[in-house]
């Protein structure tokens, strides 16, 4: 997630494209900045979301969050409920999706939510592809309504080679790889713990509501 944010803040994806063309030119320095002091809205404050908030807070970002119950979270300045989603998104430089895919989160980010984002804001999806209406996202990018998007997931995986999302300079597409460093170990731990809980009759851990 921080890799995505740093790429957008520093324009690293543009430099990489220029390198491929052996092209050296000064960027528009007014478009480049740092993460410190920028506002990031983390939607979903479970295990993944809180991991994101800790790291964003360590970079000096202003962190706000969205969760079903507006209880305080360490490192999060303000916690909103989904009923106030558009207010949380507004004025955020980055919007990071960390929610599970459920009936209530399917299509959570559509035309209205994208319209609520600032024109210089970027969307980061490390949740599930279907949380975002991809058609609405393409329209928003085409119209310049948002600055960019980093997509580690897509509605269909792999992403269709004909998808317009491949062609945007301001879109980073990765191959559902954000957790590959520790994912297997985490899953093994969850399975082991839930086997124990099944034997003892305790509620299962890490259930998706």
C-alpha atoms as a PDB file:
ATOM      1  CA  UNK A   1       0.000   0.000   0.000  1.00  0.00           C
ATOM      2  CA  UNK A   2       2.785   2.429   0.880  1.00  0.00           C
ATOM      3  CA  UNK A   3       4.492   1.531  -2.375  1.00  0.00           C
ATOM      4  CA  UNK A   4       1.399   2.690  -4.251  1.00  0.00           C
ATOM      5  CA  UNK A   5       1.134   5.917  -2.267  1.00  0.00           C
ATOM      6  CA  UNK A   6       4.806   6.749  -2.689  1.00  0.00           C
ATOM      7  CA  UNK A   7       4.583   6.070  -6.432  1.00  0.00           C
ATOM      8  CA  UNK A   8       1.708   8.503  -6.793  1.00  0.00           C
ATOM      9  CA  UNK A   9       3.214  11.138  -4.485  1.00  0.00           C
ATOM     10  CA  UNK A  10       6.616  11.099  -6.201  1.00  0.00           C
ATOM     11  CA  UNK A  11       5.467  10.263  -9.743  1.00  0.00           C
ATOM     12  CA  UNK A  12       7.632   7.132  -9.804  1.00  0.00           C
ATOM     13  CA  UNK A  13       5.369   5.351 -12.295  1.00  0.00           C
ATOM     14  CA  UNK A  14       5.861   8.213 -14.760  1.00  0.00           C
ATOM     15  CA  UNK A  15       9.646   8.095 -14.374  1.00  0.00           C
ATOM     16  CA  UNK A  16       9.548   4.352 -15.030  1.00  0.00           C
ATOM     17  CA  UNK A  17       7.555   4.905 -18.221  1.00  0.00           C
ATOM     18  CA  UNK A  18      10.018   7.595 -19.302  1.00  0.00           C
ATOM     19  CA  UNK A  19      12.923   5.253 -18.614  1.00  0.00           C
ATOM     20  CA  UNK A  20      11.426   2.674 -20.941  1.00  0.00           C
ATOM     21  CA  UNK A  21      11.451   5.305 -23.690  1.00  0.00           C
ATOM     22  CA  UNK A  22      14.955   6.568 -22.699  1.00  0.00           C
ATOM     23  CA  UNK A  23      13.320   9.960 -22.240  1.00  0.00           C
ATOM     24  CA  UNK A  24      14.771  12.542 -19.814  1.00  0.00           C
ATOM     25  CA  UNK A  25      12.634  15.548 -19.023  1.00  0.00           C
ATOM     26  CA  UNK A  26      11.733  17.582 -15.974  1.00  0.00           C
ATOM     27  CA  UNK A  27       8.339  16.665 -14.549  1.00  0.00           C
ATOM     28  CA  UNK A  28       5.745  19.164 -13.420  1.00  0.00           C
ATOM     29  CA  UNK A  29       7.265  19.637  -9.972  1.00  0.00           C
ATOM     30  CA  UNK A  30       4.024  21.173  -8.696  1.00  0.00           C
ATOM     31  CA  UNK A  31       2.397  17.747  -9.046  1.00  0.00           C
ATOM     32  CA  UNK A  32       4.974  15.962  -6.880  1.00  0.00           C
ATOM     33  CA  UNK A  33       5.025  15.906  -3.108  1.00  0.00           C
ATOM     34  CA  UNK A  34       5.491  13.698  -0.077  1.00  0.00           C
ATOM     35  CA  UNK A  35       3.166  11.666   2.112  1.00  0.00           C
ATOM     36  CA  UNK A  36       3.743  13.688   5.279  1.00  0.00           C
ATOM     37  CA  UNK A  37       0.693  15.768   6.127  1.00  0.00           C
ATOM     38  CA  UNK A  38      -1.453  14.263   3.366  1.00  0.00           C
ATOM     39  CA  UNK A  39      -4.862  12.899   4.267  1.00  0.00           C
ATOM     40  CA  UNK A  40      -5.594   9.217   3.703  1.00  0.00           C
ATOM     41  CA  UNK A  41      -9.015   7.646   4.169  1.00  0.00           C
ATOM     42  CA  UNK A  42      -8.842   3.949   5.069  1.00  0.00           C
ATOM     43  CA  UNK A  43     -12.149   2.201   4.412  1.00  0.00           C
ATOM     44  CA  UNK A  44     -12.310  -0.902   6.570  1.00  0.00           C
ATOM     45  CA  UNK A  45     -10.473  -0.921   9.896  1.00  0.00           C
ATOM     46  CA  UNK A  46     -10.069  -4.628  10.499  1.00  0.00           C
ATOM     47  CA  UNK A  47      -6.708  -6.376  10.685  1.00  0.00           C
ATOM     48  CA  UNK A  48      -5.657  -5.220   7.208  1.00  0.00           C
ATOM     49  CA  UNK A  49      -6.986  -1.687   7.624  1.00  0.00           C
ATOM     50  CA  UNK A  50      -5.327  -1.183  10.995  1.00  0.00           C
ATOM     51  CA  UNK A  51      -2.040  -2.390   9.523  1.00  0.00           C
ATOM     52  CA  UNK A  52      -2.423   0.296   6.867  1.00  0.00           C
ATOM     53  CA  UNK A  53      -3.287   2.991   9.411  1.00  0.00           C
ATOM     54  CA  UNK A  54      -0.221   2.226  11.566  1.00  0.00           C
ATOM     55  CA  UNK A  55       2.109   2.548   8.613  1.00  0.00           C
ATOM     56  CA  UNK A  56       0.430   5.661   7.225  1.00  0.00           C
ATOM     57  CA  UNK A  57       0.548   7.275  10.661  1.00  0.00           C
ATOM     58  CA  UNK A  58       4.268   6.470  10.900  1.00  0.00           C
ATOM     59  CA  UNK A  59       4.757   8.385   7.637  1.00  0.00           C
ATOM     60  CA  UNK A  60       3.158  11.440   9.223  1.00  0.00           C
ATOM     61  CA  UNK A  61      -0.082  11.216   7.273  1.00  0.00           C
ATOM     62  CA  UNK A  62      -3.428  12.431   8.567  1.00  0.00           C
ATOM     63  CA  UNK A  63      -5.402   9.200   8.843  1.00  0.00           C
ATOM     64  CA  UNK A  64      -9.171   8.962   8.906  1.00  0.00           C
ATOM     65  CA  UNK A  65     -11.143   5.744   8.709  1.00  0.00           C
ATOM     66  CA  UNK A  66     -14.499   4.169   7.960  1.00  0.00           C
ATOM     67  CA  UNK A  67     -15.972   1.236   9.872  1.00  0.00           C
ATOM     68  CA  UNK A  68     -19.416  -0.024  10.827  1.00  0.00           C
ATOM     69  CA  UNK A  69     -18.992   1.006  14.467  1.00  0.00           C
ATOM     70  CA  UNK A  70     -17.335   4.416  15.009  1.00  0.00           C
ATOM     71  CA  UNK A  71     -15.155   3.301  17.919  1.00  0.00           C
ATOM     72  CA  UNK A  72     -11.717   4.955  18.178  1.00  0.00           C
ATOM     73  CA  UNK A  73      -8.690   3.305  16.542  1.00  0.00           C
ATOM     74  CA  UNK A  74      -5.084   4.100  17.421  1.00  0.00           C
ATOM     75  CA  UNK A  75      -3.504   6.397  14.859  1.00  0.00           C
ATOM     76  CA  UNK A  76      -6.840   7.317  13.260  1.00  0.00           C
ATOM     77  CA  UNK A  77      -7.860  10.947  13.724  1.00  0.00           C
ATOM     78  CA  UNK A  78     -11.563  10.493  12.926  1.00  0.00           C
ATOM     79  CA  UNK A  79     -13.672   7.370  12.438  1.00  0.00           C
ATOM     80  CA  UNK A  80     -16.747   7.600  10.210  1.00  0.00           C
ATOM     81  CA  UNK A  81     -19.536   5.102   9.630  1.00  0.00           C
ATOM     82  CA  UNK A  82     -20.523   3.918   6.119  1.00  0.00           C
ATOM     83  CA  UNK A  83     -23.501   6.301   6.260  1.00  0.00           C
ATOM     84  CA  UNK A  84     -20.969   9.160   6.064  1.00  0.00           C
ATOM     85  CA  UNK A  85     -18.740   7.522   3.457  1.00  0.00           C
ATOM     86  CA  UNK A  86     -18.765  10.433   0.999  1.00  0.00           C
ATOM     87  CA  UNK A  87     -17.859  12.909   3.746  1.00  0.00           C
ATOM     88  CA  UNK A  88     -14.915  10.700   4.715  1.00  0.00           C
ATOM     89  CA  UNK A  89     -13.739  10.419   1.116  1.00  0.00           C
ATOM     90  CA  UNK A  90     -13.940  14.150   0.440  1.00  0.00           C
ATOM     91  CA  UNK A  91     -10.677  16.105   0.861  1.00  0.00           C
ATOM     92  CA  UNK A  92      -8.666  12.867   1.132  1.00  0.00           C
ATOM     93  CA  UNK A  93      -5.580  12.678  -1.067  1.00  0.00           C
ATOM     94  CA  UNK A  94      -5.763   8.893  -0.990  1.00  0.00           C
ATOM     95  CA  UNK A  95      -8.662   6.486  -0.476  1.00  0.00           C
ATOM     96  CA  UNK A  96      -7.562   2.976   0.504  1.00  0.00           C
ATOM     97  CA  UNK A  97     -10.015   0.052   0.410  1.00  0.00           C
ATOM     98  CA  UNK A  98      -9.459  -2.701   2.996  1.00  0.00           C
ATOM     99  CA  UNK A  99     -12.955  -4.171   3.392  1.00  0.00           C
ATOM    100  CA  UNK A 100     -13.986  -7.803   2.853  1.00  0.00           C
ATOM    101  CA  UNK A 101     -16.349  -8.547  -0.027  1.00  0.00           C
ATOM    102  CA  UNK A 102     -19.885  -8.898   1.340  1.00  0.00           C
ATOM    103  CA  UNK A 103     -23.304  -7.960   0.043  1.00  0.00           C
ATOM    104  CA  UNK A 104     -22.970  -4.588   1.769  1.00  0.00           C
ATOM    105  CA  UNK A 105     -19.544  -3.819   0.265  1.00  0.00           C
ATOM    106  CA  UNK A 106     -20.122  -5.070  -3.279  1.00  0.00           C
ATOM    107  CA  UNK A 107     -20.015  -1.987  -5.516  1.00  0.00           C
ATOM    108  CA  UNK A 108     -19.271   0.183  -2.482  1.00  0.00           C
ATOM    109  CA  UNK A 109     -17.249   2.586  -4.628  1.00  0.00           C
ATOM    110  CA  UNK A 110     -19.349   3.708  -7.579  1.00  0.00           C
ATOM    111  CA  UNK A 111     -20.112   6.897  -9.469  1.00  0.00           C
ATOM    112  CA  UNK A 112     -21.300   8.912  -6.477  1.00  0.00           C
ATOM    113  CA  UNK A 113     -18.345   7.935  -4.290  1.00  0.00           C
ATOM    114  CA  UNK A 114     -15.823   8.603  -7.058  1.00  0.00           C
ATOM    115  CA  UNK A 115     -17.454  11.972  -7.684  1.00  0.00           C
ATOM    116  CA  UNK A 116     -16.988  12.769  -3.988  1.00  0.00           C
ATOM    117  CA  UNK A 117     -13.208  12.372  -4.356  1.00  0.00           C
ATOM    118  CA  UNK A 118     -11.055  15.385  -5.164  1.00  0.00           C
ATOM    119  CA  UNK A 119      -9.580  15.651  -8.662  1.00  0.00           C
ATOM    120  CA  UNK A 120      -6.068  15.201  -7.256  1.00  0.00           C
ATOM    121  CA  UNK A 121      -7.032  12.139  -5.196  1.00  0.00           C
ATOM    122  CA  UNK A 122      -6.090   8.529  -5.929  1.00  0.00           C
ATOM    123  CA  UNK A 123      -7.931   5.295  -5.166  1.00  0.00           C
ATOM    124  CA  UNK A 124      -6.075   2.242  -3.837  1.00  0.00           C
ATOM    125  CA  UNK A 125      -7.835  -1.132  -3.786  1.00  0.00           C
ATOM    126  CA  UNK A 126      -6.158  -3.912  -1.806  1.00  0.00           C
ATOM    127  CA  UNK A 127      -9.517  -5.420  -0.821  1.00  0.00           C
ATOM    128  CA  UNK A 128     -11.514  -7.252  -3.514  1.00  0.00           C
ATOM    129  CA  UNK A 129     -12.176  -6.180  -7.084  1.00  0.00           C
ATOM    130  CA  UNK A 130     -15.959  -6.203  -6.837  1.00  0.00           C
ATOM    131  CA  UNK A 131     -15.856  -3.558  -4.092  1.00  0.00           C
ATOM    132  CA  UNK A 132     -15.310  -1.065  -6.945  1.00  0.00           C
ATOM    133  CA  UNK A 133     -17.606  -0.526  -9.927  1.00  0.00           C
ATOM    134  CA  UNK A 134     -14.934  -0.811 -12.627  1.00  0.00           C
ATOM    135  CA  UNK A 135     -17.115   0.831 -15.274  1.00  0.00           C
ATOM    136  CA  UNK A 136     -17.607   3.854 -13.042  1.00  0.00           C
ATOM    137  CA  UNK A 137     -13.880   3.924 -12.303  1.00  0.00           C
ATOM    138  CA  UNK A 138     -13.003   3.969 -16.012  1.00  0.00           C
ATOM    139  CA  UNK A 139     -15.482   6.821 -16.545  1.00  0.00           C
ATOM    140  CA  UNK A 140     -14.008   8.809 -13.643  1.00  0.00           C
ATOM    141  CA  UNK A 141     -10.468   8.343 -14.957  1.00  0.00           C
ATOM    142  CA  UNK A 142     -11.508   9.259 -18.503  1.00  0.00           C
ATOM    143  CA  UNK A 143     -13.173  12.429 -17.240  1.00  0.00           C
ATOM    144  CA  UNK A 144     -10.245  13.392 -15.011  1.00  0.00           C
ATOM    145  CA  UNK A 145     -12.474  13.261 -11.947  1.00  0.00           C
ATOM    146  CA  UNK A 146      -9.722  11.527  -9.953  1.00  0.00           C
ATOM    147  CA  UNK A 147      -5.947  11.562 -10.316  1.00  0.00           C
ATOM    148  CA  UNK A 148      -5.310   7.832 -10.462  1.00  0.00           C
ATOM    149  CA  UNK A 149      -5.867   4.356  -9.091  1.00  0.00           C
ATOM    150  CA  UNK A 150      -3.731   1.484  -7.801  1.00  0.00           C
ATOM    151  CA  UNK A 151      -5.472  -1.855  -8.247  1.00  0.00           C
ATOM    152  CA  UNK A 152      -4.079  -5.006  -6.690  1.00  0.00           C
ATOM    153  CA  UNK A 153      -7.408  -6.712  -7.400  1.00  0.00           C
ATOM    154  CA  UNK A 154     -10.026  -6.642 -10.150  1.00  0.00           C
ATOM    155  CA  UNK A 155     -13.607  -7.817 -10.650  1.00  0.00           C
ATOM    156  CA  UNK A 156     -12.324 -10.693 -12.796  1.00  0.00           C
ATOM    157  CA  UNK A 157      -8.831 -12.031 -12.261  1.00  0.00           C
ATOM    158  CA  UNK A 158      -6.725 -11.941 -14.265  1.00  0.00           C
ATOM    159  CA  UNK A 159      -7.815  -8.536 -15.525  1.00  0.00           C
ATOM    160  CA  UNK A 160      -9.131  -8.781 -19.090  1.00  0.00           C
ATOM    161  CA  UNK A 161      -6.354  -7.821 -21.563  1.00  0.00           C
ATOM    162  CA  UNK A 162      -8.951  -5.626 -23.301  1.00  0.00           C
ATOM    163  CA  UNK A 163      -9.779  -3.694 -20.125  1.00  0.00           C
ATOM    164  CA  UNK A 164      -9.278   0.071 -20.526  1.00  0.00           C
ATOM    165  CA  UNK A 165      -7.612   0.084 -17.107  1.00  0.00           C
ATOM    166  CA  UNK A 166      -4.390  -1.259 -18.620  1.00  0.00           C
ATOM    167  CA  UNK A 167      -4.028   1.831 -20.790  1.00  0.00           C
ATOM    168  CA  UNK A 168      -4.109   4.647 -18.220  1.00  0.00           C
ATOM    169  CA  UNK A 169      -0.750   6.160 -17.314  1.00  0.00           C
ATOM    170  CA  UNK A 170      -2.153   7.042 -13.900  1.00  0.00           C
ATOM    171  CA  UNK A 171      -3.314   3.482 -13.100  1.00  0.00           C
ATOM    172  CA  UNK A 172      -1.055   0.918 -11.426  1.00  0.00           C
ATOM    173  CA  UNK A 173      -2.157  -2.689 -11.924  1.00  0.00           C
ATOM    174  CA  UNK A 174      -0.588  -5.420  -9.806  1.00  0.00           C
ATOM    175  CA  UNK A 175      -1.467  -9.083  -9.770  1.00  0.00           C
ATOM    176  CA  UNK A 176      -3.141  -9.601  -6.384  1.00  0.00           C
ATOM    177  CA  UNK A 177       0.327  -9.651  -4.889  1.00  0.00           C
ATOM    178  CA  UNK A 178       0.068  -7.240  -1.957  1.00  0.00           C
ATOM    179  CA  UNK A 179       0.159  -9.969   0.731  1.00  0.00           C
ATOM    180  CA  UNK A 180       2.343 -12.589  -0.901  1.00  0.00           C
ATOM    181  CA  UNK A 181       5.227 -12.137   1.517  1.00  0.00           C
ATOM    182  CA  UNK A 182       3.397 -13.389   4.638  1.00  0.00           C
ATOM    183  CA  UNK A 183       0.043 -14.595   3.294  1.00  0.00           C
ATOM    184  CA  UNK A 184       0.674 -18.336   3.492  1.00  0.00           C
ATOM    185  CA  UNK A 185       1.979 -18.178   7.062  1.00  0.00           C
ATOM    186  CA  UNK A 186      -1.032 -16.103   8.155  1.00  0.00           C
ATOM    187  CA  UNK A 187      -3.497 -18.518   6.557  1.00  0.00           C
ATOM    188  CA  UNK A 188      -1.800 -21.503   8.187  1.00  0.00           C
ATOM    189  CA  UNK A 189      -2.049 -19.808  11.591  1.00  0.00           C
ATOM    190  CA  UNK A 190      -5.768 -19.064  11.075  1.00  0.00           C
ATOM    191  CA  UNK A 191      -6.532 -22.637   9.972  1.00  0.00           C
ATOM    192  CA  UNK A 192      -4.610 -24.072  12.929  1.00  0.00           C
ATOM    193  CA  UNK A 193      -6.426 -21.789  15.375  1.00  0.00           C
ATOM    194  CA  UNK A 194      -9.851 -22.569  13.892  1.00  0.00           C
ATOM    195  CA  UNK A 195      -9.199 -26.313  14.076  1.00  0.00           C
ATOM    196  CA  UNK A 196      -8.504 -25.851  17.779  1.00  0.00           C
ATOM    197  CA  UNK A 197     -11.658 -23.773  18.217  1.00  0.00           C
ATOM    198  CA  UNK A 198     -13.748 -26.348  16.364  1.00  0.00           C
ATOM    199  CA  UNK A 199     -12.607 -28.988  18.831  1.00  0.00           C
ATOM    200  CA  UNK A 200     -13.363 -26.781  21.848  1.00  0.00           C
ATOM    201  CA  UNK A 201     -16.628 -25.361  20.476  1.00  0.00           C
ATOM    202  CA  UNK A 202     -15.373 -21.772  20.598  1.00  0.00           C
ATOM    203  CA  UNK A 203     -16.422 -19.199  17.931  1.00  0.00           C
ATOM    204  CA  UNK A 204     -14.214 -19.287  14.838  1.00  0.00           C
ATOM    205  CA  UNK A 205     -11.609 -16.580  14.314  1.00  0.00           C
ATOM    206  CA  UNK A 206     -11.439 -14.190  11.364  1.00  0.00           C
ATOM    207  CA  UNK A 207     -15.036 -14.727  10.238  1.00  0.00           C
ATOM    208  CA  UNK A 208     -16.282 -12.373   7.504  1.00  0.00           C
ATOM    209  CA  UNK A 209     -19.662 -10.912   8.378  1.00  0.00           C
END
